Amino acid sequence: MRLLAVLLALLLGPIAPGSAATLIDCAVWPQRNLTIEGKGRGAVIRRRVCDDKGVFVTVGDHITLRNLTFAEARSPSHNGAGVRAEGRDLTVQNCRFVDNENGILSAPAPDSTILVTGSEFRGNGSCESACAHGIYAGAIGLLRVERSRFSGTHQGHDIKSRARRTEVIDNVIEDGSGGSSSYLIDIPNGGATLIQGNRMAKGPHSDNPGTAISIGAEGVSNPTPWLIVRNNRFTNHQAVRTVFVRNFTGTEARLAGNVLRGAVSPLDGPGSVR
């Protein structure tokens, strides 16, 4: 693929600090143990998708992406992703996902870990066909998202995870004035869940005004030994009442130290609130 050589030159070469290269192209990365890192502000890769999947398709295992921007991913199936993760163990650090159908979309990989830190997801999401989301993790081992920002998501969820274990820690997840996300966090099949230290808000145009965090709504196929939601700040900017955590599993959700503002019911379903 011609983009591979171009990207290696642009991303790993001497891009001056404060500058950014813009590429209209896509790439499939079959290599293992690969780090793709932009210098300074990195590079913007946009618009085209490979194999009807993503701007980057990471097929190899143990890939790290750093200091890159993925934008405007569209596919004929309406499921295009900034990054489509197909190999095992993807790390995303200090990247931006802007106006894609999916920001990150992962294929099932039971032993895989996806770690996202210090990244921004802005204006992603679509329900033109099957819904697309800010992050959509398939049936993997662990999804961990920390110190990242989600805003302006369209119709889909900010974070949707079918992982056996999901950790969402110290993020900002908010609709803003123009976002229309459904759930802020969706854990549709259960699984060990930690949601901690986040700042979250539902805006006036939410596509699903009744729920902020949903757990187990599509059937509990993952072992769910614990559900912990603690030390978060949540604001409901809607005129209607919403539920902060809606728990469809048989595991008690433990809510502690959360600060809720606006018309909010803390919990619907099994669990405790303190």
Protein backbone atom coordinates (compact mmCIF):
# COMPACT_ATOMS: atom_id res chain seq x y z
CA MET A 1 0.00 0.00 0.00
CA ARG A 2 1.44 3.33 -0.97
CA LEU A 3 0.25 4.96 2.25
CA LEU A 4 2.51 2.83 4.44
CA ALA A 5 5.72 4.41 3.20
CA VAL A 6 4.19 7.88 3.16
CA LEU A 7 2.95 7.56 6.72
CA LEU A 8 6.21 6.22 8.02
CA ALA A 9 7.96 9.20 6.49
CA LEU A 10 5.42 11.74 7.69
CA LEU A 11 4.61 10.34 11.11
CA LEU A 12 7.98 9.08 12.21
CA GLY A 13 10.07 11.60 10.30
CA PRO A 14 11.01 15.17 11.16
CA ILE A 15 7.66 16.97 11.27
CA ALA A 16 8.34 20.29 12.95
CA PRO A 17 6.81 20.81 16.41
CA GLY A 18 3.46 22.56 16.17
CA SER A 19 2.84 21.47 12.59
CA ALA A 20 0.50 18.79 11.30
CA ALA A 21 0.38 16.86 8.03
CA THR A 22 -2.99 16.09 6.45
CA LEU A 23 -3.48 12.89 4.49
CA ILE A 24 -6.59 11.78 2.61
CA ASP A 25 -6.00 8.03 2.58
CA CYS A 26 -6.24 4.85 4.65
CA ALA A 27 -4.03 1.91 5.64
CA VAL A 28 -4.19 -1.69 6.82
CA TRP A 29 -1.46 -2.57 9.35
CA PRO A 30 -0.69 -6.33 9.47
CA GLN A 31 2.54 -5.95 11.47
CA ARG A 32 2.91 -7.01 15.10
CA ASN A 33 4.53 -4.96 17.88
CA LEU A 34 4.19 -1.73 15.91
CA THR A 35 4.14 1.87 17.18
CA ILE A 36 2.82 4.60 14.87
CA GLU A 37 3.51 7.99 16.40
CA GLY A 38 3.05 11.52 15.10
CA LYS A 39 5.54 14.20 16.03
CA GLY A 40 4.40 17.51 17.49
CA ARG A 41 0.69 17.79 16.69
CA GLY A 42 1.00 14.63 14.61
CA ALA A 43 -0.87 13.99 11.39
CA VAL A 44 -4.52 14.17 10.34
CA ILE A 45 -5.64 11.12 8.36
CA ARG A 46 -9.13 11.52 6.98
CA ARG A 47 -12.01 10.58 4.74
CA ARG A 48 -10.99 7.30 3.09
CA VAL A 49 -11.56 3.86 4.63
CA CYS A 50 -9.86 0.58 3.72
CA ASP A 51 -11.87 -2.61 3.14
CA ASP A 52 -15.10 -0.77 4.04
CA LYS A 53 -13.81 -0.73 7.64
CA GLY A 54 -11.61 2.14 8.78
CA VAL A 55 -9.05 4.84 8.13
CA PHE A 56 -6.63 2.58 9.99
CA VAL A 57 -7.34 -1.16 10.18
CA THR A 58 -5.05 -2.73 12.79
CA VAL A 59 -4.77 -6.41 11.91
CA GLY A 60 -1.51 -7.09 13.74
CA ASP A 61 -1.27 -7.66 17.49
CA HIS A 62 0.21 -5.25 20.04
CA ILE A 63 -0.12 -1.99 18.08
CA THR A 64 0.23 1.47 19.65
CA LEU A 65 -1.14 4.65 18.04
CA ARG A 66 0.00 8.00 19.40
CA ASN A 67 -0.45 11.70 18.50
CA LEU A 68 -2.70 11.10 15.47
CA THR A 69 -6.06 12.49 14.32
CA PHE A 70 -8.63 10.34 12.50
CA ALA A 71 -11.44 12.25 10.81
CA GLU A 72 -14.51 11.90 8.59
CA ALA A 73 -14.52 8.10 8.26
CA ARG A 74 -17.51 7.01 6.19
CA SER A 75 -18.19 3.62 4.63
CA PRO A 76 -20.94 2.31 2.33
CA SER A 77 -22.18 0.21 5.25
CA HIS A 78 -22.36 3.36 7.45
CA ASN A 79 -20.02 1.69 9.93
CA GLY A 80 -16.73 3.36 9.05
CA ALA A 81 -14.25 3.86 11.87
CA GLY A 82 -11.31 6.10 12.53
CA VAL A 83 -9.62 2.91 13.78
CA ARG A 84 -10.93 -0.60 13.19
CA ALA A 85 -9.18 -2.92 15.66
CA GLU A 86 -8.97 -6.53 14.47
CA GLY A 87 -5.76 -7.75 16.10
CA ARG A 88 -5.12 -8.26 19.80
CA ASP A 89 -4.06 -5.52 22.21
CA LEU A 90 -4.44 -1.99 20.87
CA THR A 91 -3.17 1.06 22.75
CA VAL A 92 -4.34 4.55 21.75
CA GLN A 93 -2.60 7.52 23.35
CA ASN A 94 -3.21 11.23 22.78
CA CYS A 95 -5.22 10.72 19.58
CA ARG A 96 -8.24 12.60 18.24
CA PHE A 97 -11.32 11.13 16.55
CA VAL A 98 -13.41 13.76 14.81
CA ASP A 99 -16.65 13.37 12.84
CA ASN A 100 -16.34 9.65 12.10
CA GLU A 101 -19.16 7.13 12.07
CA ASN A 102 -17.30 5.12 14.74
CA GLY A 103 -14.32 6.59 16.50
CA ILE A 104 -12.87 3.17 17.41
CA LEU A 105 -14.60 -0.09 16.48
CA SER A 106 -13.19 -3.45 17.55
CA ALA A 107 -13.82 -6.93 16.24
CA PRO A 108 -14.37 -9.74 18.78
CA ALA A 109 -11.08 -10.99 20.28
CA PRO A 110 -11.66 -12.67 23.65
CA ASP A 111 -8.15 -12.20 25.05
CA SER A 112 -7.58 -8.69 23.68
CA THR A 113 -7.13 -5.46 25.63
CA ILE A 114 -7.93 -2.02 24.26
CA LEU A 115 -6.42 0.85 26.26
CA VAL A 116 -7.38 4.43 25.40
CA THR A 117 -5.72 7.31 27.28
CA GLY A 118 -5.58 11.08 26.89
CA SER A 119 -7.64 11.11 23.69
CA GLU A 120 -10.54 13.14 22.29
CA PHE A 121 -13.72 11.90 20.60
CA ARG A 122 -15.74 14.72 19.05
CA GLY A 123 -18.78 14.56 16.79
CA ASN A 124 -18.63 10.81 16.13
CA GLY A 125 -21.62 8.49 15.93
CA SER A 126 -24.43 7.70 13.53
CA CYS A 127 -27.58 5.63 13.36
CA GLU A 128 -28.03 5.89 9.60
CA SER A 129 -27.88 2.08 9.44
CA ALA A 130 -26.91 0.04 12.51
CA CYS A 131 -25.77 2.53 15.11
CA ALA A 132 -22.13 3.62 15.32
CA HIS A 133 -20.52 5.03 18.45
CA GLY A 134 -17.62 7.00 19.90
CA ILE A 135 -15.97 3.75 21.03
CA TYR A 136 -17.54 0.38 20.30
CA ALA A 137 -15.65 -2.56 21.81
CA GLY A 138 -16.79 -6.00 20.70
CA ALA A 139 -16.40 -9.17 22.76
CA ILE A 140 -12.86 -8.54 24.03
CA GLY A 141 -11.18 -9.15 27.37
CA LEU A 142 -10.72 -5.59 28.65
CA LEU A 143 -11.65 -2.08 27.56
CA ARG A 144 -10.04 0.66 29.63
CA VAL A 145 -10.70 4.32 28.80
CA GLU A 146 -9.06 6.99 30.95
CA ARG A 147 -8.40 10.73 30.91
CA SER A 148 -10.21 11.19 27.59
CA ARG A 149 -12.97 13.52 26.40
CA PHE A 150 -16.20 12.70 24.54
CA SER A 151 -18.49 15.41 23.18
CA GLY A 152 -21.10 16.01 20.52
CA THR A 153 -21.78 12.34 19.78
CA HIS A 154 -24.58 11.79 17.25
CA GLN A 155 -27.33 9.28 18.21
CA GLY A 156 -25.00 6.42 19.13
CA HIS A 157 -23.43 5.90 22.54
CA ASP A 158 -20.25 7.64 23.63
CA ILE A 159 -18.86 4.32 24.87
CA LYS A 160 -20.35 0.90 24.12
CA SER A 161 -18.52 -2.14 25.45
CA ARG A 162 -19.19 -5.87 25.19
CA ALA A 163 -15.86 -6.58 26.94
CA ARG A 164 -15.71 -9.02 29.83
CA ARG A 165 -14.29 -6.14 31.88
CA THR A 166 -14.84 -2.43 31.28
CA GLU A 167 -13.08 0.40 33.11
CA VAL A 168 -14.01 4.05 32.43
CA ILE A 169 -11.91 6.32 34.64
CA ASP A 170 -11.37 10.10 34.92
CA ASN A 171 -12.97 11.08 31.61
CA VAL A 172 -15.24 13.89 30.46
CA ILE A 173 -18.35 12.50 28.70
CA GLU A 174 -20.92 15.11 27.77
CA ASP A 175 -23.36 15.88 24.96
CA GLY A 176 -22.85 19.62 24.99
CA SER A 177 -25.36 21.90 23.29
CA GLY A 178 -25.45 19.98 20.00
CA GLY A 179 -24.82 16.34 20.88
CA SER A 180 -27.61 13.77 20.64
CA SER A 181 -26.04 10.63 22.07
CA SER A 182 -28.21 7.77 23.31
CA TYR A 183 -26.43 6.41 26.43
CA LEU A 184 -23.24 7.99 27.68
CA ILE A 185 -22.02 4.49 28.58
CA ASP A 186 -23.59 1.24 27.42
CA ILE A 187 -22.49 -2.14 28.82
CA PRO A 188 -25.08 -4.24 26.93
CA ASN A 189 -23.95 -7.74 27.97
CA GLY A 190 -22.79 -7.06 31.51
CA GLY A 191 -19.27 -7.86 32.66
CA ALA A 192 -17.11 -6.58 35.50
CA THR A 193 -17.53 -2.81 35.37
CA LEU A 194 -15.76 0.14 37.01
CA ILE A 195 -16.98 3.67 36.22
CA GLN A 196 -15.03 6.08 38.39
CA GLY A 197 -14.10 9.75 38.62
CA ASN A 198 -15.79 10.88 35.42
CA ARG A 199 -17.57 14.15 34.66
CA MET A 200 -20.70 13.38 32.65
CA ALA A 201 -23.67 15.31 31.31
CA LYS A 202 -26.73 14.60 29.17
CA GLY A 203 -27.73 17.46 26.90
CA PRO A 204 -31.14 18.69 25.79
CA HIS A 205 -31.06 16.79 22.48
CA SER A 206 -30.25 13.28 23.75
CA ASP A 207 -31.61 10.52 21.52
CA ASN A 208 -32.41 8.49 24.66
CA PRO A 209 -33.34 10.95 27.40
CA GLY A 210 -34.25 8.33 30.01
CA THR A 211 -30.86 6.75 30.76
CA ALA A 212 -27.25 7.88 31.20
CA ILE A 213 -25.54 4.53 31.93
CA SER A 214 -27.09 1.22 30.88
CA ILE A 215 -25.84 -2.20 31.98
CA GLY A 216 -27.14 -5.52 30.64
CA ALA A 217 -29.90 -4.23 28.35
CA GLU A 218 -29.14 -6.78 25.59
CA GLY A 219 -28.82 -9.87 27.78
CA VAL A 220 -26.17 -10.70 30.36
CA SER A 221 -23.79 -13.05 28.56
CA ASN A 222 -20.64 -11.93 30.41
CA PRO A 223 -19.82 -13.01 33.97
CA THR A 224 -20.64 -9.97 36.10
CA PRO A 225 -18.98 -10.32 39.51
CA TRP A 226 -19.18 -6.60 40.35
CA LEU A 227 -20.54 -3.29 39.14
CA ILE A 228 -18.94 -0.22 40.73
CA VAL A 229 -19.96 3.36 39.89
CA ARG A 230 -18.24 5.81 42.22
CA ASN A 231 -17.01 9.39 42.60
CA ASN A 232 -18.53 10.62 39.35
CA ARG A 233 -20.21 13.98 38.71
CA PHE A 234 -23.32 13.83 36.52
CA THR A 235 -25.57 16.67 35.33
CA ASN A 236 -28.88 16.29 33.53
CA HIS A 237 -29.47 19.36 31.32
CA GLN A 238 -32.75 17.96 29.98
CA ALA A 239 -36.23 19.11 30.92
CA VAL A 240 -37.21 15.49 31.66
CA ARG A 241 -36.02 13.19 34.43
CA THR A 242 -33.32 10.63 33.65
CA VAL A 243 -31.84 7.58 35.38
CA PHE A 244 -28.13 7.76 36.14
CA VAL A 245 -27.58 3.95 36.20
CA ARG A 246 -30.12 1.50 34.79
CA ASN A 247 -29.09 -2.03 35.78
CA PHE A 248 -30.67 -5.00 34.00
CA THR A 249 -28.30 -7.60 35.50
CA GLY A 250 -28.79 -9.71 38.61
CA THR A 251 -25.62 -8.24 40.15
CA GLU A 252 -26.06 -5.38 42.56
CA ALA A 253 -24.62 -2.12 41.28
CA ARG A 254 -22.73 -0.28 44.01
CA LEU A 255 -23.04 3.49 43.66
CA ALA A 256 -20.99 5.61 46.04
CA GLY A 257 -19.75 9.20 46.21
CA ASN A 258 -21.49 10.33 43.02
CA VAL A 259 -22.70 13.93 42.73
CA LEU A 260 -25.91 14.20 40.68
CA ARG A 261 -27.43 17.48 39.50
CA GLY A 262 -30.76 18.15 37.81
CA ALA A 263 -33.73 15.80 37.56
CA VAL A 264 -31.94 12.49 38.17
CA SER A 265 -32.89 9.16 39.73
CA PRO A 266 -29.64 7.52 40.89
CA LEU A 267 -30.46 3.86 40.17
CA ASP A 268 -33.06 1.67 38.55
CA GLY A 269 -32.52 -2.04 39.20
CA PRO A 270 -30.57 -4.06 41.76
CA GLY A 271 -28.01 -2.21 43.84
CA SER A 272 -27.26 0.30 46.55
CA VAL A 273 -26.67 4.06 46.64
CA ARG A 274 -24.66 5.92 49.22
